[in-house]
C-alpha atoms as a PDB file:
ATOM      1  CA  MET A   1       5.021   9.806  -1.792  1.00  0.00           C
ATOM      2  CA  SER A   2       4.397   6.270  -2.895  1.00  0.00           C
ATOM      3  CA  ALA A   3       8.109   5.483  -2.784  1.00  0.00           C
ATOM      4  CA  ILE A   4       8.188   6.491   0.891  1.00  0.00           C
ATOM      5  CA  CYS A   5       5.066   4.387   1.670  1.00  0.00           C
ATOM      6  CA  ARG A   6       6.578   1.421  -0.211  1.00  0.00           C
ATOM      7  CA  PHE A   7       9.708   1.753   1.941  1.00  0.00           C
ATOM      8  CA  ILE A   8       7.711   1.894   5.145  1.00  0.00           C
ATOM      9  CA  HIS A   9       5.675  -1.138   4.043  1.00  0.00           C
ATOM     10  CA  ALA A  10       8.846  -3.078   3.302  1.00  0.00           C
ATOM     11  CA  GLU A  11      10.470  -2.225   6.593  1.00  0.00           C
ATOM     12  CA  LYS A  12       7.454  -2.498   8.914  1.00  0.00           C
ATOM     13  CA  ALA A  13       8.488  -6.077   9.838  1.00  0.00           C
ATOM     14  CA  ASN A  14      11.733  -4.678  11.251  1.00  0.00           C
ATOM     15  CA  TYR A  15      10.599  -1.365  12.766  1.00  0.00           C
ATOM     16  CA  PRO A  16       7.345   0.067  14.094  1.00  0.00           C
ATOM     17  CA  VAL A  17       5.286   2.011  11.601  1.00  0.00           C
ATOM     18  CA  THR A  18       5.196   4.927  13.979  1.00  0.00           C
ATOM     19  CA  LEU A  19       8.997   5.162  14.009  1.00  0.00           C
ATOM     20  CA  LEU A  20       9.335   4.742  10.278  1.00  0.00           C
ATOM     21  CA  CYS A  21       6.759   7.453   9.600  1.00  0.00           C
ATOM     22  CA  LYS A  22       8.526   9.819  12.034  1.00  0.00           C
ATOM     23  CA  VAL A  23      11.911   9.166  10.437  1.00  0.00           C
ATOM     24  CA  MET A  24      10.519   9.588   6.942  1.00  0.00           C
ATOM     25  CA  LYS A  25       8.517  12.653   7.974  1.00  0.00           C
ATOM     26  CA  THR A  26       5.286  11.179   6.788  1.00  0.00           C
ATOM     27  CA  ALA A  27       1.969  11.148   8.570  1.00  0.00           C
ATOM     28  CA  ARG A  28       0.822   7.740   9.687  1.00  0.00           C
ATOM     29  CA  SER A  29      -2.570   8.530   8.142  1.00  0.00           C
ATOM     30  CA  THR A  30      -0.819   8.997   4.736  1.00  0.00           C
ATOM     31  CA  TYR A  31       0.756   5.586   5.042  1.00  0.00           C
ATOM     32  CA  TYR A  32      -2.468   3.859   6.110  1.00  0.00           C
ATOM     33  CA  ALA A  33      -4.445   5.583   3.346  1.00  0.00           C
ATOM     34  CA  TRP A  34      -1.818   4.316   0.875  1.00  0.00           C
ATOM     35  CA  VAL A  35      -2.225   0.754   2.262  1.00  0.00           C
ATOM     36  CA  ALA A  36      -6.010   0.964   1.892  1.00  0.00           C
ATOM     37  CA  GLY A  37      -5.679   2.224  -1.630  1.00  0.00           C
ATOM     38  CA  ARG A  38      -3.182  -0.520  -2.445  1.00  0.00           C
ATOM     39  CA  GLU A  39      -5.579  -3.188  -1.238  1.00  0.00           C
ATOM     40  CA  ASN A  40      -8.409  -1.639  -3.248  1.00  0.00           C
ATOM     41  CA  ARG A  41      -6.309  -1.403  -6.398  1.00  0.00           C
ATOM     42  CA  GLU A  42      -5.308  -5.038  -6.040  1.00  0.00           C
ATOM     43  CA  ALA A  43      -8.910  -6.154  -5.651  1.00  0.00           C
ATOM     44  CA  ARG A  44      -9.915  -4.149  -8.671  1.00  0.00           C
ATOM     45  CA  ARG A  45      -7.070  -5.695 -10.700  1.00  0.00           C
ATOM     46  CA  ARG A  46      -8.178  -9.211  -9.711  1.00  0.00           C
ATOM     47  CA  ALA A  47     -11.781  -8.445 -10.675  1.00  0.00           C
ATOM     48  CA  ASP A  48     -10.663  -7.000 -14.006  1.00  0.00           C
ATOM     49  CA  GLU A  49      -8.542 -10.095 -14.751  1.00  0.00           C
ATOM     50  CA  ALA A  50     -11.454 -12.441 -13.843  1.00  0.00           C
ATOM     51  CA  LEU A  51     -13.744 -10.468 -16.185  1.00  0.00           C
ATOM     52  CA  ARG A  52     -11.165 -10.647 -18.972  1.00  0.00           C
ATOM     53  CA  THR A  53     -10.850 -14.368 -18.494  1.00  0.00           C
ATOM     54  CA  ARG A  54     -14.641 -14.859 -18.686  1.00  0.00           C
ATOM     55  CA  SER A  55     -15.023 -12.801 -21.846  1.00  0.00           C
ATOM     56  CA  ARG A  56     -12.510 -14.790 -23.881  1.00  0.00           C
END
């Protein structure tokens, strides 16, 4: 599923998310949940990196 969401994310500048989700047979809620999770994972990665830097 993440490959489909990555594709939609990459193409959303060219096509509406609604259309991409319809063509890829993916619920918009699935895509937006993936985006939210992606942002959370990135924030956690930055926090982990900052902690690693401080502990050295």
